Amino acid sequence: LSTAPDYLRFLRALRDGELLGAEHLAMLRSDQVPASAKQPGSFFSGFWEQTGWGFGVSVVADGPHRGRWSWSGGAGTDFFVDPDGTLGLLLTQVELGPRVMPLLEAFGELSPPA
């Protein structure tokens, strides 16, 4: 169990290199899945078109959020880190399903302030 401030503190430490060195952080947020494994039916529809998988996080490989790395947990714990350092954290503590999906989709489309 944790709190939103604790989770943000953890994300800032991860983003800022306090927990991992630059080399390991680069590996974490780089796509580690070979192209041969990205078959159309191997994950949910359209996932591999713009997204890859680093070490424990999804990584956006193309599109308007290119370079973003994130996690979306099954109990509604979501975060993202954008290339400019912007953090997003959403804690719903609700099992994924039709009620929460519109919120998660809107959260995923957030962009850093201009």
Protein backbone atom coordinates (compact mmCIF):
# COMPACT_ATOMS: atom_id res chain seq x y z
CA LEU A 1 0.00 0.00 0.00
CA SER A 2 1.11 3.52 -0.70
CA THR A 3 -0.12 7.07 -1.14
CA ALA A 4 -0.22 9.33 -4.18
CA PRO A 5 2.64 11.50 -2.80
CA ASP A 6 4.76 8.38 -2.21
CA TYR A 7 4.05 7.09 -5.73
CA LEU A 8 4.99 10.49 -7.21
CA ARG A 9 8.18 10.54 -5.15
CA PHE A 10 9.06 7.09 -6.54
CA LEU A 11 8.32 8.18 -10.13
CA ARG A 12 10.41 11.34 -9.76
CA ALA A 13 13.32 9.32 -8.35
CA LEU A 14 13.04 6.85 -11.23
CA ARG A 15 12.74 9.59 -13.86
CA ASP A 16 15.60 11.64 -12.40
CA GLY A 17 18.09 8.77 -12.24
CA GLU A 18 18.14 8.43 -8.45
CA LEU A 19 17.21 4.73 -8.61
CA LEU A 20 18.79 3.63 -11.89
CA GLY A 21 21.81 4.87 -13.76
CA ALA A 22 21.40 6.48 -17.18
CA GLU A 23 22.25 3.25 -19.04
CA HIS A 24 19.68 1.17 -17.15
CA LEU A 25 17.03 3.88 -17.39
CA ALA A 26 17.56 3.99 -21.16
CA MET A 27 17.04 0.21 -21.33
CA LEU A 28 13.92 0.42 -19.14
CA ARG A 29 12.28 2.92 -21.48
CA SER A 30 13.43 1.38 -24.77
CA ASP A 31 11.43 -1.21 -26.67
CA GLN A 32 12.86 -4.63 -25.80
CA VAL A 33 10.46 -6.72 -27.89
CA PRO A 34 11.88 -7.97 -31.20
CA ALA A 35 9.83 -7.26 -34.32
CA SER A 36 9.39 -11.00 -34.89
CA ALA A 37 7.37 -11.24 -31.64
CA LYS A 38 5.01 -8.40 -32.55
CA GLN A 39 2.39 -10.46 -34.30
CA PRO A 40 -1.03 -8.82 -34.85
CA GLY A 41 -2.87 -11.28 -32.59
CA SER A 42 -0.21 -11.50 -29.87
CA PHE A 43 -1.67 -8.69 -27.74
CA PHE A 44 -4.73 -6.47 -27.93
CA SER A 45 -5.64 -5.03 -31.31
CA GLY A 46 -3.38 -2.20 -32.50
CA PHE A 47 -1.00 -2.32 -29.52
CA TRP A 48 2.19 -3.01 -31.48
CA GLU A 49 1.45 -0.32 -34.09
CA GLN A 50 2.66 2.53 -31.87
CA THR A 51 3.74 0.82 -28.67
CA GLY A 52 6.58 -1.37 -27.49
CA TRP A 53 7.55 -2.85 -24.16
CA GLY A 54 10.59 -1.88 -22.11
CA PHE A 55 11.64 -3.44 -18.83
CA GLY A 56 8.33 -3.30 -16.95
CA VAL A 57 6.82 -0.34 -18.78
CA SER A 58 5.13 0.29 -22.09
CA VAL A 59 6.97 2.66 -24.41
CA VAL A 60 5.36 4.76 -27.12
CA ALA A 61 7.37 4.25 -30.30
CA ASP A 62 5.35 6.43 -32.68
CA GLY A 63 2.65 9.06 -32.79
CA PRO A 64 2.05 12.21 -30.75
CA HIS A 65 3.29 10.68 -27.48
CA ARG A 66 6.51 9.19 -28.89
CA GLY A 67 9.03 8.59 -26.10
CA ARG A 68 6.43 8.32 -23.33
CA TRP A 69 6.85 5.39 -20.97
CA SER A 70 4.06 4.23 -18.74
CA TRP A 71 2.31 1.56 -16.73
CA SER A 72 -1.36 0.70 -16.59
CA GLY A 73 -2.17 -1.72 -13.80
CA GLY A 74 -5.20 -3.96 -13.61
CA ALA A 75 -6.55 -2.17 -10.53
CA GLY A 76 -6.54 1.28 -12.10
CA THR A 77 -3.06 2.46 -11.12
CA ASP A 78 -1.68 4.31 -14.12
CA PHE A 79 1.28 6.58 -14.72
CA PHE A 80 3.20 8.08 -17.60
CA VAL A 81 6.48 9.93 -17.99
CA ASP A 82 6.93 12.11 -21.07
CA PRO A 83 10.31 12.85 -22.70
CA ASP A 84 10.22 16.40 -21.30
CA GLY A 85 9.89 14.96 -17.76
CA THR A 86 6.17 15.59 -17.32
CA LEU A 87 4.62 13.02 -14.97
CA GLY A 88 1.03 11.83 -14.96
CA LEU A 89 -0.44 9.68 -12.19
CA LEU A 90 -3.98 8.32 -11.97
CA LEU A 91 -5.08 6.19 -9.04
CA THR A 92 -8.63 4.86 -9.42
CA GLN A 93 -8.32 1.60 -7.45
CA VAL A 94 -11.11 0.20 -9.60
CA GLU A 95 -10.86 -3.02 -11.56
CA LEU A 96 -10.51 -2.39 -15.27
CA GLY A 97 -13.81 -2.53 -17.08
CA PRO A 98 -16.28 -0.51 -19.12
CA ARG A 99 -16.93 2.04 -16.36
CA VAL A 100 -13.31 3.15 -16.03
CA MET A 101 -11.99 2.70 -19.60
CA PRO A 102 -13.10 6.15 -20.86
CA LEU A 103 -11.20 7.77 -17.97
CA LEU A 104 -8.07 5.71 -18.66
CA GLU A 105 -8.22 6.52 -22.38
CA ALA A 106 -8.59 10.26 -21.67
CA PHE A 107 -5.68 10.10 -19.20
CA GLY A 108 -3.52 8.42 -21.84
CA GLU A 109 -4.20 11.24 -24.29
CA LEU A 110 -3.05 14.01 -21.93
CA SER A 111 -0.19 16.08 -23.30
CA PRO A 112 2.43 18.18 -21.51
CA PRO A 113 1.51 21.84 -21.11
CA ALA A 114 2.59 23.99 -24.05
